[in-house]
Amino acid sequence: MGKAIFYHAGCPVCVSAEQDILQFIPADQVEVIHLGTDKEKVKDADAAGVKSVPALVLANGNVLHINFGAGIDDLK
């Protein structure tokens, strides 16, 4: 089974969500991607169905939009 991917942009909402996510999912089972510093990954997030961050893309491809910190278009 693949890893989940947690996308965020570094805002306080995103950082708080990241801390919460890492309490529930072991760090070796989730990849954390900061789209503010890893801009080339914005295309991957968009292709996965991420509409806003913070968002968690599960290993099965489902996207959980956790809260609205920034729209994906704002990060392009």
PDB file of N, CA and C in Angstrom:
ATOM      1  N   MET A   1       0.850  -1.182   0.000  1.00  0.00           N
ATOM      2  CA  MET A   1       0.000   0.000   0.000  1.00  0.00           C
ATOM      3  C   MET A   1       0.890   1.238   0.000  1.00  0.00           C
ATOM      4  N   GLY A   2       0.540   2.231  -0.797  1.00  0.00           N
ATOM      5  CA  GLY A   2       1.330   3.442  -0.901  1.00  0.00           C
ATOM      6  C   GLY A   2       1.122   4.375   0.274  1.00  0.00           C
ATOM      7  N   LYS A   3       1.916   5.412   0.283  1.00  0.00           N
ATOM      8  CA  LYS A   3       1.822   6.423   1.334  1.00  0.00           C
ATOM      9  C   LYS A   3       0.724   7.431   1.028  1.00  0.00           C
ATOM     10  N   ALA A   4       0.195   8.006   2.078  1.00  0.00           N
ATOM     11  CA  ALA A   4      -0.670   9.169   1.936  1.00  0.00           C
ATOM     12  C   ALA A   4       0.242  10.372   1.704  1.00  0.00           C
ATOM     13  N   ILE A   5      -0.298  11.428   1.113  1.00  0.00           N
ATOM     14  CA  ILE A   5       0.471  12.655   0.897  1.00  0.00           C
ATOM     15  C   ILE A   5      -0.302  13.812   1.506  1.00  0.00           C
ATOM     16  N   PHE A   6       0.359  14.544   2.383  1.00  0.00           N
ATOM     17  CA  PHE A   6      -0.239  15.724   3.003  1.00  0.00           C
ATOM     18  C   PHE A   6       0.370  16.950   2.340  1.00  0.00           C
ATOM     19  N   TYR A   7      -0.467  17.717   1.659  1.00  0.00           N
ATOM     20  CA  TYR A   7      -0.027  18.943   0.993  1.00  0.00           C
ATOM     21  C   TYR A   7      -0.418  20.140   1.843  1.00  0.00           C
ATOM     22  N   HIS A   8       0.513  21.079   1.965  1.00  0.00           N
ATOM     23  CA  HIS A   8       0.208  22.316   2.678  1.00  0.00           C
ATOM     24  C   HIS A   8       1.054  23.450   2.128  1.00  0.00           C
ATOM     25  N   ALA A   9       0.763  24.669   2.605  1.00  0.00           N
ATOM     26  CA  ALA A   9       1.477  25.849   2.100  1.00  0.00           C
ATOM     27  C   ALA A   9       2.220  26.598   3.200  1.00  0.00           C
ATOM     28  N   GLY A  10       2.261  26.037   4.402  1.00  0.00           N
ATOM     29  CA  GLY A  10       3.041  26.639   5.474  1.00  0.00           C
ATOM     30  C   GLY A  10       2.307  27.645   6.339  1.00  0.00           C
ATOM     31  N   CYS A  11       1.051  27.917   6.042  1.00  0.00           N
ATOM     32  CA  CYS A  11       0.296  28.876   6.851  1.00  0.00           C
ATOM     33  C   CYS A  11      -0.023  28.253   8.215  1.00  0.00           C
ATOM     34  N   PRO A  12      -0.433  29.052   9.186  1.00  0.00           N
ATOM     35  CA  PRO A  12      -0.741  28.503  10.507  1.00  0.00           C
ATOM     36  C   PRO A  12      -1.803  27.402  10.482  1.00  0.00           C
ATOM     37  N   VAL A  13      -2.825  27.545   9.630  1.00  0.00           N
ATOM     38  CA  VAL A  13      -3.853  26.499   9.509  1.00  0.00           C
ATOM     39  C   VAL A  13      -3.205  25.203   9.036  1.00  0.00           C
ATOM     40  N   CYS A  14      -2.332  25.305   8.049  1.00  0.00           N
ATOM     41  CA  CYS A  14      -1.669  24.129   7.482  1.00  0.00           C
ATOM     42  C   CYS A  14      -0.739  23.457   8.491  1.00  0.00           C
ATOM     43  N   VAL A  15       0.034  24.252   9.199  1.00  0.00           N
ATOM     44  CA  VAL A  15       0.985  23.712  10.168  1.00  0.00           C
ATOM     45  C   VAL A  15       0.235  22.994  11.295  1.00  0.00           C
ATOM     46  N   SER A  16      -0.844  23.583  11.746  1.00  0.00           N
ATOM     47  CA  SER A  16      -1.658  22.950  12.785  1.00  0.00           C
ATOM     48  C   SER A  16      -2.234  21.623  12.292  1.00  0.00           C
ATOM     49  N   ALA A  17      -2.738  21.626  11.063  1.00  0.00           N
ATOM     50  CA  ALA A  17      -3.291  20.393  10.478  1.00  0.00           C
ATOM     51  C   ALA A  17      -2.201  19.334  10.333  1.00  0.00           C
ATOM     52  N   GLU A  18      -1.007  19.746   9.926  1.00  0.00           N
ATOM     53  CA  GLU A  18       0.106  18.796   9.786  1.00  0.00           C
ATOM     54  C   GLU A  18       0.401  18.137  11.125  1.00  0.00           C
ATOM     55  N   GLN A  19       0.467  18.915  12.184  1.00  0.00           N
ATOM     56  CA  GLN A  19       0.741  18.354  13.509  1.00  0.00           C
ATOM     57  C   GLN A  19      -0.336  17.356  13.909  1.00  0.00           C
ATOM     58  N   ASP A  20      -1.593  17.689  13.621  1.00  0.00           N
ATOM     59  CA  ASP A  20      -2.695  16.776  13.946  1.00  0.00           C
ATOM     60  C   ASP A  20      -2.622  15.495  13.120  1.00  0.00           C
ATOM     61  N   ILE A  21      -2.363  15.636  11.829  1.00  0.00           N
ATOM     62  CA  ILE A  21      -2.275  14.470  10.944  1.00  0.00           C
ATOM     63  C   ILE A  21      -1.184  13.517  11.424  1.00  0.00           C
ATOM     64  N   LEU A  22      -0.041  14.070  11.798  1.00  0.00           N
ATOM     65  CA  LEU A  22       1.086  13.230  12.214  1.00  0.00           C
ATOM     66  C   LEU A  22       0.853  12.559  13.564  1.00  0.00           C
ATOM     67  N   GLN A  23      -0.175  12.983  14.287  1.00  0.00           N
ATOM     68  CA  GLN A  23      -0.549  12.275  15.513  1.00  0.00           C
ATOM     69  C   GLN A  23      -1.372  11.029  15.189  1.00  0.00           C
ATOM     70  N   PHE A  24      -2.046  11.028  14.041  1.00  0.00           N
ATOM     71  CA  PHE A  24      -2.923   9.923  13.667  1.00  0.00           C
ATOM     72  C   PHE A  24      -2.312   8.958  12.667  1.00  0.00           C
ATOM     73  N   ILE A  25      -1.424   9.462  11.833  1.00  0.00           N
ATOM     74  CA  ILE A  25      -0.805   8.622  10.809  1.00  0.00           C
ATOM     75  C   ILE A  25       0.694   8.595  11.086  1.00  0.00           C
ATOM     76  N   PRO A  26       1.285   7.416  11.211  1.00  0.00           N
ATOM     77  CA  PRO A  26       2.730   7.342  11.443  1.00  0.00           C
ATOM     78  C   PRO A  26       3.512   8.074  10.345  1.00  0.00           C
ATOM     79  N   ALA A  27       4.558   8.772  10.741  1.00  0.00           N
ATOM     80  CA  ALA A  27       5.345   9.592   9.809  1.00  0.00           C
ATOM     81  C   ALA A  27       5.882   8.790   8.627  1.00  0.00           C
ATOM     82  N   ASP A  28       6.117   7.486   8.806  1.00  0.00           N
ATOM     83  CA  ASP A  28       6.627   6.690   7.693  1.00  0.00           C
ATOM     84  C   ASP A  28       5.531   6.281   6.706  1.00  0.00           C
ATOM     85  N   GLN A  29       4.275   6.649   7.008  1.00  0.00           N
ATOM     86  CA  GLN A  29       3.161   6.312   6.123  1.00  0.00           C
ATOM     87  C   GLN A  29       2.547   7.529   5.448  1.00  0.00           C
ATOM     88  N   VAL A  30       3.137   8.697   5.680  1.00  0.00           N
ATOM     89  CA  VAL A  30       2.637   9.922   5.047  1.00  0.00           C
ATOM     90  C   VAL A  30       3.817  10.780   4.607  1.00  0.00           C
ATOM     91  N   GLU A  31       3.719  11.278   3.388  1.00  0.00           N
ATOM     92  CA  GLU A  31       4.722  12.207   2.863  1.00  0.00           C
ATOM     93  C   GLU A  31       4.149  13.610   3.021  1.00  0.00           C
ATOM     94  N   VAL A  32       4.925  14.498   3.615  1.00  0.00           N
ATOM     95  CA  VAL A  32       4.487  15.878   3.818  1.00  0.00           C
ATOM     96  C   VAL A  32       5.156  16.745   2.761  1.00  0.00           C
ATOM     97  N   ILE A  33       4.331  17.475   1.995  1.00  0.00           N
ATOM     98  CA  ILE A  33       4.864  18.340   0.937  1.00  0.00           C
ATOM     99  C   ILE A  33       4.397  19.765   1.181  1.00  0.00           C
ATOM    100  N   HIS A  34       5.367  20.650   1.332  1.00  0.00           N
ATOM    101  CA  HIS A  34       5.127  22.086   1.534  1.00  0.00           C
ATOM    102  C   HIS A  34       5.148  22.735   0.157  1.00  0.00           C
ATOM    103  N   LEU A  35       3.971  23.068  -0.350  1.00  0.00           N
ATOM    104  CA  LEU A  35       3.871  23.611  -1.712  1.00  0.00           C
ATOM    105  C   LEU A  35       4.420  25.024  -1.837  1.00  0.00           C
ATOM    106  N   GLY A  36       4.602  25.709  -0.723  1.00  0.00           N
ATOM    107  CA  GLY A  36       5.205  27.038  -0.768  1.00  0.00           C
ATOM    108  C   GLY A  36       6.681  26.979  -1.102  1.00  0.00           C
ATOM    109  N   THR A  37       7.346  25.905  -0.669  1.00  0.00           N
ATOM    110  CA  THR A  37       8.778  25.763  -0.930  1.00  0.00           C
ATOM    111  C   THR A  37       9.080  24.719  -1.999  1.00  0.00           C
ATOM    112  N   ASP A  38       8.120  23.876  -2.309  1.00  0.00           N
ATOM    113  CA  ASP A  38       8.302  22.810  -3.302  1.00  0.00           C
ATOM    114  C   ASP A  38       7.310  23.028  -4.441  1.00  0.00           C
ATOM    115  N   LYS A  39       7.466  24.174  -5.130  1.00  0.00           N
ATOM    116  CA  LYS A  39       6.500  24.627  -6.142  1.00  0.00           C
ATOM    117  C   LYS A  39       6.273  23.634  -7.278  1.00  0.00           C
ATOM    118  N   GLU A  40       7.282  22.833  -7.611  1.00  0.00           N
ATOM    119  CA  GLU A  40       7.100  21.895  -8.720  1.00  0.00           C
ATOM    120  C   GLU A  40       6.094  20.798  -8.390  1.00  0.00           C
ATOM    121  N   LYS A  41       5.749  20.633  -7.124  1.00  0.00           N
ATOM    122  CA  LYS A  41       4.775  19.629  -6.706  1.00  0.00           C
ATOM    123  C   LYS A  41       3.324  20.123  -6.811  1.00  0.00           C
ATOM    124  N   VAL A  42       3.117  21.413  -7.116  1.00  0.00           N
ATOM    125  CA  VAL A  42       1.757  21.950  -7.240  1.00  0.00           C
ATOM    126  C   VAL A  42       1.007  21.211  -8.352  1.00  0.00           C
ATOM    127  N   LYS A  43       1.689  20.914  -9.453  1.00  0.00           N
ATOM    128  CA  LYS A  43       1.054  20.171 -10.557  1.00  0.00           C
ATOM    129  C   LYS A  43       0.586  18.797 -10.087  1.00  0.00           C
ATOM    130  N   ASP A  44       1.406  18.132  -9.289  1.00  0.00           N
ATOM    131  CA  ASP A  44       1.039  16.807  -8.776  1.00  0.00           C
ATOM    132  C   ASP A  44      -0.195  16.893  -7.885  1.00  0.00           C
ATOM    133  N   ALA A  45      -0.217  17.905  -7.024  1.00  0.00           N
ATOM    134  CA  ALA A  45      -1.363  18.089  -6.129  1.00  0.00           C
ATOM    135  C   ALA A  45      -2.625  18.357  -6.936  1.00  0.00           C
ATOM    136  N   ASP A  46      -2.516  19.224  -7.922  1.00  0.00           N
ATOM    137  CA  ASP A  46      -3.651  19.557  -8.778  1.00  0.00           C
ATOM    138  C   ASP A  46      -4.155  18.309  -9.509  1.00  0.00           C
ATOM    139  N   ALA A  47      -3.242  17.535 -10.049  1.00  0.00           N
ATOM    140  CA  ALA A  47      -3.608  16.314 -10.774  1.00  0.00           C
ATOM    141  C   ALA A  47      -4.261  15.285  -9.860  1.00  0.00           C
ATOM    142  N   ALA A  48      -3.902  15.304  -8.580  1.00  0.00           N
ATOM    143  CA  ALA A  48      -4.476  14.366  -7.612  1.00  0.00           C
ATOM    144  C   ALA A  48      -5.870  14.790  -7.156  1.00  0.00           C
ATOM    145  N   GLY A  49      -6.276  16.019  -7.527  1.00  0.00           N
ATOM    146  CA  GLY A  49      -7.600  16.488  -7.149  1.00  0.00           C
ATOM    147  C   GLY A  49      -7.628  17.461  -5.989  1.00  0.00           C
ATOM    148  N   VAL A  50      -6.464  17.915  -5.568  1.00  0.00           N
ATOM    149  CA  VAL A  50      -6.400  18.884  -4.473  1.00  0.00           C
ATOM    150  C   VAL A  50      -6.906  20.232  -4.979  1.00  0.00           C
ATOM    151  N   LYS A  51      -7.889  20.776  -4.289  1.00  0.00           N
ATOM    152  CA  LYS A  51      -8.471  22.072  -4.657  1.00  0.00           C
ATOM    153  C   LYS A  51      -8.015  23.187  -3.725  1.00  0.00           C
ATOM    154  N   SER A  52      -7.631  22.824  -2.508  1.00  0.00           N
ATOM    155  CA  SER A  52      -7.129  23.788  -1.531  1.00  0.00           C
ATOM    156  C   SER A  52      -6.259  23.032  -0.537  1.00  0.00           C
ATOM    157  N   VAL A  53      -5.437  23.778   0.155  1.00  0.00           N
ATOM    158  CA  VAL A  53      -4.590  23.185   1.190  1.00  0.00           C
ATOM    159  C   VAL A  53      -4.961  23.793   2.531  1.00  0.00           C
ATOM    160  N   PRO A  54      -4.802  23.050   3.593  1.00  0.00           N
ATOM    161  CA  PRO A  54      -4.209  21.720   3.685  1.00  0.00           C
ATOM    162  C   PRO A  54      -5.146  20.631   3.161  1.00  0.00           C
ATOM    163  N   ALA A  55      -4.532  19.611   2.577  1.00  0.00           N
ATOM    164  CA  ALA A  55      -5.283  18.478   2.059  1.00  0.00           C
ATOM    165  C   ALA A  55      -4.457  17.212   2.214  1.00  0.00           C
ATOM    166  N   LEU A  56      -5.156  16.134   2.448  1.00  0.00           N
ATOM    167  CA  LEU A  56      -4.516  14.831   2.583  1.00  0.00           C
ATOM    168  C   LEU A  56      -5.012  13.948   1.451  1.00  0.00           C
ATOM    169  N   VAL A  57      -4.080  13.474   0.633  1.00  0.00           N
ATOM    170  CA  VAL A  57      -4.417  12.527  -0.428  1.00  0.00           C
ATOM    171  C   VAL A  57      -4.097  11.141   0.124  1.00  0.00           C
ATOM    172  N   LEU A  58      -5.138  10.340   0.274  1.00  0.00           N
ATOM    173  CA  LEU A  58      -4.961   9.000   0.823  1.00  0.00           C
ATOM    174  C   LEU A  58      -4.337   8.070  -0.211  1.00  0.00           C
ATOM    175  N   ALA A  59      -3.812   6.955   0.262  1.00  0.00           N
ATOM    176  CA  ALA A  59      -3.158   5.992  -0.630  1.00  0.00           C
ATOM    177  C   ALA A  59      -4.107   5.481  -1.716  1.00  0.00           C
ATOM    178  N   ASN A  60      -5.411   5.474  -1.437  1.00  0.00           N
ATOM    179  CA  ASN A  60      -6.382   5.009  -2.434  1.00  0.00           C
ATOM    180  C   ASN A  60      -6.801   6.099  -3.412  1.00  0.00           C
ATOM    181  N   GLY A  61      -6.235   7.315  -3.267  1.00  0.00           N
ATOM    182  CA  GLY A  61      -6.514   8.411  -4.186  1.00  0.00           C
ATOM    183  C   GLY A  61      -7.583   9.381  -3.721  1.00  0.00           C
ATOM    184  N   ASN A  62      -8.299   9.048  -2.653  1.00  0.00           N
ATOM    185  CA  ASN A  62      -9.295   9.985  -2.123  1.00  0.00           C
ATOM    186  C   ASN A  62      -8.592  11.207  -1.530  1.00  0.00           C
ATOM    187  N   VAL A  63      -9.211  12.368  -1.727  1.00  0.00           N
ATOM    188  CA  VAL A  63      -8.643  13.620  -1.223  1.00  0.00           C
ATOM    189  C   VAL A  63      -9.507  14.136  -0.080  1.00  0.00           C
ATOM    190  N   LEU A  64      -8.878  14.394   1.045  1.00  0.00           N
ATOM    191  CA  LEU A  64      -9.559  14.981   2.192  1.00  0.00           C
ATOM    192  C   LEU A  64      -9.103  16.430   2.321  1.00  0.00           C
ATOM    193  N   HIS A  65     -10.015  17.357   2.043  1.00  0.00           N
ATOM    194  CA  HIS A  65      -9.715  18.774   2.213  1.00  0.00           C
ATOM    195  C   HIS A  65     -10.024  19.113   3.669  1.00  0.00           C
ATOM    196  N   ILE A  66      -8.993  19.418   4.426  1.00  0.00           N
ATOM    197  CA  ILE A  66      -9.107  19.517   5.873  1.00  0.00           C
ATOM    198  C   ILE A  66      -9.658  20.858   6.320  1.00  0.00           C
ATOM    199  N   ASN A  67      -9.214  21.910   5.730  1.00  0.00           N
ATOM    200  CA  ASN A  67      -9.647  23.262   6.066  1.00  0.00           C
ATOM    201  C   ASN A  67      -9.214  24.118   4.881  1.00  0.00           C
ATOM    202  N   PHE A  68      -9.654  25.338   4.810  1.00  0.00           N
ATOM    203  CA  PHE A  68      -9.249  26.169   3.678  1.00  0.00           C
ATOM    204  C   PHE A  68      -8.167  27.147   4.115  1.00  0.00           C
ATOM    205  N   GLY A  69      -6.935  26.876   3.689  1.00  0.00           N
ATOM    206  CA  GLY A  69      -5.823  27.777   3.958  1.00  0.00           C
ATOM    207  C   GLY A  69      -5.492  28.593   2.723  1.00  0.00           C
ATOM    208  N   ALA A  70      -5.448  27.919   1.567  1.00  0.00           N
ATOM    209  CA  ALA A  70      -5.159  28.577   0.296  1.00  0.00           C
ATOM    210  C   ALA A  70      -5.679  27.701  -0.839  1.00  0.00           C
ATOM    211  N   GLY A  71      -6.207  28.322  -1.854  1.00  0.00           N
ATOM    212  CA  GLY A  71      -6.649  27.601  -3.037  1.00  0.00           C
ATOM    213  C   GLY A  71      -5.458  27.141  -3.858  1.00  0.00           C
ATOM    214  N   ILE A  72      -5.590  26.010  -4.536  1.00  0.00           N
ATOM    215  CA  ILE A  72      -4.491  25.482  -5.351  1.00  0.00           C
ATOM    216  C   ILE A  72      -4.105  26.469  -6.447  1.00  0.00           C
ATOM    217  N   ASP A  73      -5.066  27.201  -6.991  1.00  0.00           N
ATOM    218  CA  ASP A  73      -4.753  28.188  -8.025  1.00  0.00           C
ATOM    219  C   ASP A  73      -3.887  29.322  -7.493  1.00  0.00           C
ATOM    220  N   ASP A  74      -4.018  29.636  -6.212  1.00  0.00           N
ATOM    221  CA  ASP A  74      -3.187  30.677  -5.601  1.00  0.00           C
ATOM    222  C   ASP A  74      -1.738  30.254  -5.467  1.00  0.00           C
ATOM    223  N   LEU A  75      -1.479  28.958  -5.537  1.00  0.00           N
ATOM    224  CA  LEU A  75      -0.122  28.441  -5.364  1.00  0.00           C
ATOM    225  C   LEU A  75       0.603  28.234  -6.685  1.00  0.00           C
ATOM    226  N   LYS A  76      -0.131  28.345  -7.789  1.00  0.00           N
ATOM    227  CA  LYS A  76       0.479  28.124  -9.112  1.00  0.00           C
ATOM    228  C   LYS A  76       1.321  29.305  -9.523  1.00  0.00           C
TER     229      LYS A  76
END
